Structures are given as structure tokens and as C-alpha cells.
PDB file of N, CA and C in Angstrom:
ATOM      1  N   MET A   1       0.087   8.696  11.928  1.00  0.00           N
ATOM      2  CA  MET A   1       0.376   7.318  11.572  1.00  0.00           C
ATOM      3  C   MET A   1       1.163   6.683  12.725  1.00  0.00           C
ATOM      4  N   ARG A   2       0.769   5.489  13.075  1.00  0.00           N
ATOM      5  CA  ARG A   2       1.462   4.805  14.173  1.00  0.00           C
ATOM      6  C   ARG A   2       2.786   4.224  13.689  1.00  0.00           C
ATOM      7  N   GLU A   3       3.715   4.049  14.626  1.00  0.00           N
ATOM      8  CA  GLU A   3       5.006   3.478  14.255  1.00  0.00           C
ATOM      9  C   GLU A   3       4.845   1.994  13.966  1.00  0.00           C
ATOM     10  N   ARG A   4       5.440   1.559  12.883  1.00  0.00           N
ATOM     11  CA  ARG A   4       5.425   0.145  12.498  1.00  0.00           C
ATOM     12  C   ARG A   4       6.783  -0.445  12.879  1.00  0.00           C
ATOM     13  N   ARG A   5       6.778  -1.673  13.413  1.00  0.00           N
ATOM     14  CA  ARG A   5       8.007  -2.325  13.846  1.00  0.00           C
ATOM     15  C   ARG A   5       8.188  -3.641  13.098  1.00  0.00           C
ATOM     16  N   CYS A   6       9.450  -3.991  12.850  1.00  0.00           N
ATOM     17  CA  CYS A   6       9.775  -5.243  12.187  1.00  0.00           C
ATOM     18  C   CYS A   6       9.459  -6.406  13.130  1.00  0.00           C
ATOM     19  N   PRO A   7       8.687  -7.392  12.672  1.00  0.00           N
ATOM     20  CA  PRO A   7       8.370  -8.535  13.538  1.00  0.00           C
ATOM     21  C   PRO A   7       9.583  -9.428  13.796  1.00  0.00           C
ATOM     22  N   ASP A   8      10.618  -9.330  12.965  1.00  0.00           N
ATOM     23  CA  ASP A   8      11.817 -10.162  13.140  1.00  0.00           C
ATOM     24  C   ASP A   8      12.870  -9.489  14.015  1.00  0.00           C
ATOM     25  N   CYS A   9      13.113  -8.195  13.781  1.00  0.00           N
ATOM     26  CA  CYS A   9      14.203  -7.484  14.453  1.00  0.00           C
ATOM     27  C   CYS A   9      13.726  -6.593  15.601  1.00  0.00           C
ATOM     28  N   GLY A  10      12.468  -6.177  15.562  1.00  0.00           N
ATOM     29  CA  GLY A  10      11.934  -5.308  16.600  1.00  0.00           C
ATOM     30  C   GLY A  10      12.270  -3.836  16.414  1.00  0.00           C
ATOM     31  N   VAL A  11      12.948  -3.469  15.329  1.00  0.00           N
ATOM     32  CA  VAL A  11      13.299  -2.067  15.099  1.00  0.00           C
ATOM     33  C   VAL A  11      12.197  -1.389  14.289  1.00  0.00           C
ATOM     34  N   GLY A  12      12.190  -0.059  14.318  1.00  0.00           N
ATOM     35  CA  GLY A  12      11.195   0.699  13.582  1.00  0.00           C
ATOM     36  C   GLY A  12      11.382   0.561  12.073  1.00  0.00           C
ATOM     37  N   LEU A  13      10.275   0.398  11.372  1.00  0.00           N
ATOM     38  CA  LEU A  13      10.311   0.307   9.911  1.00  0.00           C
ATOM     39  C   LEU A  13      10.338   1.710   9.323  1.00  0.00           C
ATOM     40  N   ARG A  14      10.956   1.835   8.156  1.00  0.00           N
ATOM     41  CA  ARG A  14      11.031   3.113   7.453  1.00  0.00           C
ATOM     42  C   ARG A  14      10.107   3.080   6.252  1.00  0.00           C
ATOM     43  N   ALA A  15       9.366   4.172   6.059  1.00  0.00           N
ATOM     44  CA  ALA A  15       8.490   4.271   4.890  1.00  0.00           C
ATOM     45  C   ALA A  15       9.354   4.339   3.633  1.00  0.00           C
ATOM     46  N   VAL A  16       8.993   3.552   2.621  1.00  0.00           N
ATOM     47  CA  VAL A  16       9.685   3.554   1.329  1.00  0.00           C
ATOM     48  C   VAL A  16       8.645   3.613   0.222  1.00  0.00           C
ATOM     49  N   GLU A  17       9.082   3.978  -0.967  1.00  0.00           N
ATOM     50  CA  GLU A  17       8.179   4.005  -2.113  1.00  0.00           C
ATOM     51  C   GLU A  17       8.460   2.789  -2.981  1.00  0.00           C
ATOM     52  N   LEU A  18       7.451   1.966  -3.180  1.00  0.00           N
ATOM     53  CA  LEU A  18       7.569   0.777  -4.017  1.00  0.00           C
ATOM     54  C   LEU A  18       6.843   1.051  -5.326  1.00  0.00           C
ATOM     55  N   VAL A  19       7.567   0.948  -6.441  1.00  0.00           N
ATOM     56  CA  VAL A  19       6.968   1.204  -7.754  1.00  0.00           C
ATOM     57  C   VAL A  19       7.285   0.048  -8.689  1.00  0.00           C
ATOM     58  N   THR A  20       6.479  -0.074  -9.740  1.00  0.00           N
ATOM     59  CA  THR A  20       6.725  -1.097 -10.748  1.00  0.00           C
ATOM     60  C   THR A  20       7.854  -0.642 -11.658  1.00  0.00           C
ATOM     61  N   SER A  21       8.296  -1.524 -12.545  1.00  0.00           N
ATOM     62  CA  SER A  21       9.369  -1.151 -13.474  1.00  0.00           C
ATOM     63  C   SER A  21       8.922  -0.053 -14.431  1.00  0.00           C
ATOM     64  N   GLU A  22       7.600   0.119 -14.582  1.00  0.00           N
ATOM     65  CA  GLU A  22       7.067   1.187 -15.431  1.00  0.00           C
ATOM     66  C   GLU A  22       6.889   2.487 -14.657  1.00  0.00           C
ATOM     67  N   GLY A  23       7.176   2.484 -13.364  1.00  0.00           N
ATOM     68  CA  GLY A  23       7.084   3.686 -12.544  1.00  0.00           C
ATOM     69  C   GLY A  23       5.758   3.894 -11.846  1.00  0.00           C
ATOM     70  N   PHE A  24       4.854   2.912 -11.919  1.00  0.00           N
ATOM     71  CA  PHE A  24       3.551   3.042 -11.264  1.00  0.00           C
ATOM     72  C   PHE A  24       3.632   2.579  -9.818  1.00  0.00           C
ATOM     73  N   SER A  25       2.855   3.219  -8.952  1.00  0.00           N
ATOM     74  CA  SER A  25       2.798   2.791  -7.558  1.00  0.00           C
ATOM     75  C   SER A  25       1.828   1.625  -7.419  1.00  0.00           C
ATOM     76  N   THR A  26       1.966   0.876  -6.328  1.00  0.00           N
ATOM     77  CA  THR A  26       1.106  -0.274  -6.103  1.00  0.00           C
ATOM     78  C   THR A  26      -0.234   0.182  -5.524  1.00  0.00           C
ATOM     79  N   LYS A  27      -1.291  -0.530  -5.899  1.00  0.00           N
ATOM     80  CA  LYS A  27      -2.652  -0.225  -5.451  1.00  0.00           C
ATOM     81  C   LYS A  27      -3.360  -1.528  -5.110  1.00  0.00           C
ATOM     82  N   VAL A  28      -4.436  -1.427  -4.340  1.00  0.00           N
ATOM     83  CA  VAL A  28      -5.299  -2.556  -4.016  1.00  0.00           C
ATOM     84  C   VAL A  28      -6.669  -2.264  -4.615  1.00  0.00           C
ATOM     85  N   ARG A  29      -7.222  -3.222  -5.335  1.00  0.00           N
ATOM     86  CA  ARG A  29      -8.590  -3.094  -5.846  1.00  0.00           C
ATOM     87  C   ARG A  29      -9.557  -3.527  -4.755  1.00  0.00           C
ATOM     88  N   THR A  30     -10.540  -2.680  -4.471  1.00  0.00           N
ATOM     89  CA  THR A  30     -11.474  -2.968  -3.386  1.00  0.00           C
ATOM     90  C   THR A  30     -12.662  -3.811  -3.830  1.00  0.00           C
ATOM     91  N   GLY A  31     -12.907  -3.901  -5.135  1.00  0.00           N
ATOM     92  CA  GLY A  31     -14.064  -4.623  -5.637  1.00  0.00           C
ATOM     93  C   GLY A  31     -15.307  -3.759  -5.732  1.00  0.00           C
ATOM     94  N   GLU A  32     -15.210  -2.510  -5.271  1.00  0.00           N
ATOM     95  CA  GLU A  32     -16.337  -1.583  -5.345  1.00  0.00           C
ATOM     96  C   GLU A  32     -16.190  -0.709  -6.583  1.00  0.00           C
ATOM     97  N   LYS A  33     -17.327  -0.299  -7.148  1.00  0.00           N
ATOM     98  CA  LYS A  33     -17.284   0.599  -8.302  1.00  0.00           C
ATOM     99  C   LYS A  33     -16.995   2.022  -7.842  1.00  0.00           C
ATOM    100  N   ARG A  34     -16.257   2.747  -8.676  1.00  0.00           N
ATOM    101  CA  ARG A  34     -16.011   4.160  -8.402  1.00  0.00           C
ATOM    102  C   ARG A  34     -17.295   4.943  -8.586  1.00  0.00           C
ATOM    103  N   GLU A  35     -17.337   6.104  -8.002  1.00  0.00           N
ATOM    104  CA  GLU A  35     -18.494   6.984  -8.147  1.00  0.00           C
ATOM    105  C   GLU A  35     -18.397   7.733  -9.469  1.00  0.00           C
ATOM    106  N   GLY A  36     -19.511   8.280  -9.913  1.00  0.00           N
ATOM    107  CA  GLY A  36     -19.534   9.119 -11.099  1.00  0.00           C
ATOM    108  C   GLY A  36     -19.427   8.337 -12.391  1.00  0.00           C
ATOM    109  N   TRP A  37     -19.018   9.037 -13.444  1.00  0.00           N
ATOM    110  CA  TRP A  37     -18.995   8.423 -14.777  1.00  0.00           C
ATOM    111  C   TRP A  37     -17.944   7.336 -14.904  1.00  0.00           C
ATOM    112  N   LEU A  38     -16.844   7.409 -14.130  1.00  0.00           N
ATOM    113  CA  LEU A  38     -15.851   6.326 -14.179  1.00  0.00           C
ATOM    114  C   LEU A  38     -16.450   5.010 -13.675  1.00  0.00           C
ATOM    115  N   GLY A  39     -17.263   5.086 -12.635  1.00  0.00           N
ATOM    116  CA  GLY A  39     -17.941   3.896 -12.123  1.00  0.00           C
ATOM    117  C   GLY A  39     -18.911   3.325 -13.142  1.00  0.00           C
ATOM    118  N   LYS A  40     -19.585   4.213 -13.874  1.00  0.00           N
ATOM    119  CA  LYS A  40     -20.521   3.758 -14.905  1.00  0.00           C
ATOM    120  C   LYS A  40     -19.789   3.056 -16.048  1.00  0.00           C
ATOM    121  N   LEU A  41     -18.521   3.409 -16.239  1.00  0.00           N
ATOM    122  CA  LEU A  41     -17.709   2.759 -17.267  1.00  0.00           C
ATOM    123  C   LEU A  41     -17.102   1.445 -16.773  1.00  0.00           C
ATOM    124  N   GLY A  42     -17.338   1.110 -15.506  1.00  0.00           N
ATOM    125  CA  GLY A  42     -16.841  -0.145 -14.956  1.00  0.00           C
ATOM    126  C   GLY A  42     -15.507  -0.038 -14.239  1.00  0.00           C
ATOM    127  N   VAL A  43     -15.041   1.194 -14.011  1.00  0.00           N
ATOM    128  CA  VAL A  43     -13.771   1.382 -13.303  1.00  0.00           C
ATOM    129  C   VAL A  43     -13.999   1.153 -11.818  1.00  0.00           C
ATOM    130  N   GLY A  44     -13.150   0.333 -11.212  1.00  0.00           N
ATOM    131  CA  GLY A  44     -13.296   0.004  -9.800  1.00  0.00           C
ATOM    132  C   GLY A  44     -12.506   0.934  -8.898  1.00  0.00           C
ATOM    133  N   GLU A  45     -12.870   0.904  -7.638  1.00  0.00           N
ATOM    134  CA  GLU A  45     -12.224   1.702  -6.598  1.00  0.00           C
ATOM    135  C   GLU A  45     -10.877   1.064  -6.231  1.00  0.00           C
ATOM    136  N   THR A  46      -9.869   1.899  -5.967  1.00  0.00           N
ATOM    137  CA  THR A  46      -8.560   1.407  -5.532  1.00  0.00           C
ATOM    138  C   THR A  46      -8.121   2.174  -4.292  1.00  0.00           C
ATOM    139  N   ARG A  47      -7.195   1.598  -3.567  1.00  0.00           N
ATOM    140  CA  ARG A  47      -6.595   2.238  -2.390  1.00  0.00           C
ATOM    141  C   ARG A  47      -5.074   2.158  -2.512  1.00  0.00           C
ATOM    142  N   ASP A  48      -4.412   3.184  -2.036  1.00  0.00           N
ATOM    143  CA  ASP A  48      -2.950   3.199  -2.040  1.00  0.00           C
ATOM    144  C   ASP A  48      -2.415   2.164  -1.048  1.00  0.00           C
ATOM    145  N   VAL A  49      -1.260   1.623  -1.365  1.00  0.00           N
ATOM    146  CA  VAL A  49      -0.567   0.684  -0.492  1.00  0.00           C
ATOM    147  C   VAL A  49       0.640   1.405   0.092  1.00  0.00           C
ATOM    148  N   GLU A  50       0.774   1.365   1.417  1.00  0.00           N
ATOM    149  CA  GLU A  50       1.939   1.938   2.083  1.00  0.00           C
ATOM    150  C   GLU A  50       2.966   0.820   2.275  1.00  0.00           C
ATOM    151  N   THR A  51       4.217   1.096   1.914  1.00  0.00           N
ATOM    152  CA  THR A  51       5.264   0.088   2.029  1.00  0.00           C
ATOM    153  C   THR A  51       6.316   0.572   3.019  1.00  0.00           C
ATOM    154  N   PHE A  52       6.775  -0.339   3.865  1.00  0.00           N
ATOM    155  CA  PHE A  52       7.785  -0.044   4.872  1.00  0.00           C
ATOM    156  C   PHE A  52       8.896  -1.083   4.778  1.00  0.00           C
ATOM    157  N   ALA A  53      10.126  -0.652   5.064  1.00  0.00           N
ATOM    158  CA  ALA A  53      11.289  -1.547   5.013  1.00  0.00           C
ATOM    159  C   ALA A  53      12.015  -1.533   6.346  1.00  0.00           C
ATOM    160  N   CYS A  54      12.517  -2.698   6.722  1.00  0.00           N
ATOM    161  CA  CYS A  54      13.336  -2.809   7.929  1.00  0.00           C
ATOM    162  C   CYS A  54      14.773  -2.427   7.571  1.00  0.00           C
ATOM    163  N   PRO A  55      15.356  -1.466   8.287  1.00  0.00           N
ATOM    164  CA  PRO A  55      16.730  -1.072   7.990  1.00  0.00           C
ATOM    165  C   PRO A  55      17.762  -2.116   8.413  1.00  0.00           C
ATOM    166  N   GLU A  56      17.354  -3.101   9.206  1.00  0.00           N
ATOM    167  CA  GLU A  56      18.279  -4.135   9.677  1.00  0.00           C
ATOM    168  C   GLU A  56      18.307  -5.352   8.748  1.00  0.00           C
ATOM    169  N   CYS A  57      17.137  -5.936   8.479  1.00  0.00           N
ATOM    170  CA  CYS A  57      17.098  -7.197   7.728  1.00  0.00           C
ATOM    171  C   CYS A  57      16.552  -7.047   6.303  1.00  0.00           C
ATOM    172  N   GLY A  58      15.988  -5.875   5.971  1.00  0.00           N
ATOM    173  CA  GLY A  58      15.487  -5.649   4.621  1.00  0.00           C
ATOM    174  C   GLY A  58      14.070  -6.146   4.373  1.00  0.00           C
ATOM    175  N   LEU A  59      13.391  -6.647   5.400  1.00  0.00           N
ATOM    176  CA  LEU A  59      12.020  -7.111   5.245  1.00  0.00           C
ATOM    177  C   LEU A  59      11.133  -5.965   4.760  1.00  0.00           C
ATOM    178  N   LEU A  60      10.277  -6.254   3.779  1.00  0.00           N
ATOM    179  CA  LEU A  60       9.287  -5.279   3.320  1.00  0.00           C
ATOM    180  C   LEU A  60       7.927  -5.682   3.861  1.00  0.00           C
ATOM    181  N   ARG A  61       7.172  -4.701   4.379  1.00  0.00           N
ATOM    182  CA  ARG A  61       5.793  -4.922   4.835  1.00  0.00           C
ATOM    183  C   ARG A  61       4.915  -3.920   4.121  1.00  0.00           C
ATOM    184  N   GLN A  62       3.731  -4.355   3.690  1.00  0.00           N
ATOM    185  CA  GLN A  62       2.801  -3.466   3.003  1.00  0.00           C
ATOM    186  C   GLN A  62       1.488  -3.410   3.772  1.00  0.00           C
ATOM    187  N   TYR A  63       0.925  -2.202   3.830  1.00  0.00           N
ATOM    188  CA  TYR A  63      -0.317  -1.973   4.549  1.00  0.00           C
ATOM    189  C   TYR A  63      -1.258  -1.148   3.684  1.00  0.00           C
ATOM    190  N   VAL A  64      -2.560  -1.378   3.863  1.00  0.00           N
ATOM    191  CA  VAL A  64      -3.589  -0.601   3.208  1.00  0.00           C
ATOM    192  C   VAL A  64      -4.563  -0.147   4.292  1.00  0.00           C
ATOM    193  N   ASP A  65      -5.193   0.999   4.091  1.00  0.00           N
ATOM    194  CA  ASP A  65      -6.184   1.492   5.031  1.00  0.00           C
ATOM    195  C   ASP A  65      -7.274   0.438   5.197  1.00  0.00           C
ATOM    196  N   PRO A  66      -7.504  -0.068   6.417  1.00  0.00           N
ATOM    197  CA  PRO A  66      -8.471  -1.151   6.608  1.00  0.00           C
ATOM    198  C   PRO A  66      -9.923  -0.722   6.454  1.00  0.00           C
ATOM    199  N   ASP A  67     -10.192   0.561   6.288  1.00  0.00           N
ATOM    200  CA  ASP A  67     -11.577   1.041   6.198  1.00  0.00           C
ATOM    201  C   ASP A  67     -12.065   1.126   4.760  1.00  0.00           C
ATOM    202  N   PHE A  68     -11.728   0.160   3.917  1.00  0.00           N
ATOM    203  CA  PHE A  68     -12.212   0.214   2.538  1.00  0.00           C
ATOM    204  C   PHE A  68     -13.316  -0.725   2.343  1.00  0.00           C
TER     205      PHE A  68
END
């Protein structure tokens, strides 16, 4: 994984875990159907979201794998 830098401060961002109040992690819906029987039931494909925080200013940045 390449180093991510804060666009405001220029320092390296730290990986953090961002979860909902129910404890679920954030995901991105790709709009594609999942494979197998889940796809036949209408369940869509999702991708994990990586979250990074700036230790200086507190800015949060989120990234998803661009190959979806």
C-alpha cells in the first residue's frame, strides 16, 4: 500500500477503523450483482472502504480499490 499524505498538512496519514454506531464497517456498493445464489437473490457487490486520519489536523480521507 502506498503512503497517503494529508493534502492540508503534508504529513503521513494513519490508517484508522471507521465504524457505525452499530459496529459495522463502511462499504461501497458497486452496482454489480454478487456471484452465486446471493446474486440471484438480488444481493449486490460491495467493496471495503479504507479510512485514514491526519495526526495533525484530524482530516479523515476514505479510499476504495479503484478496480471495481
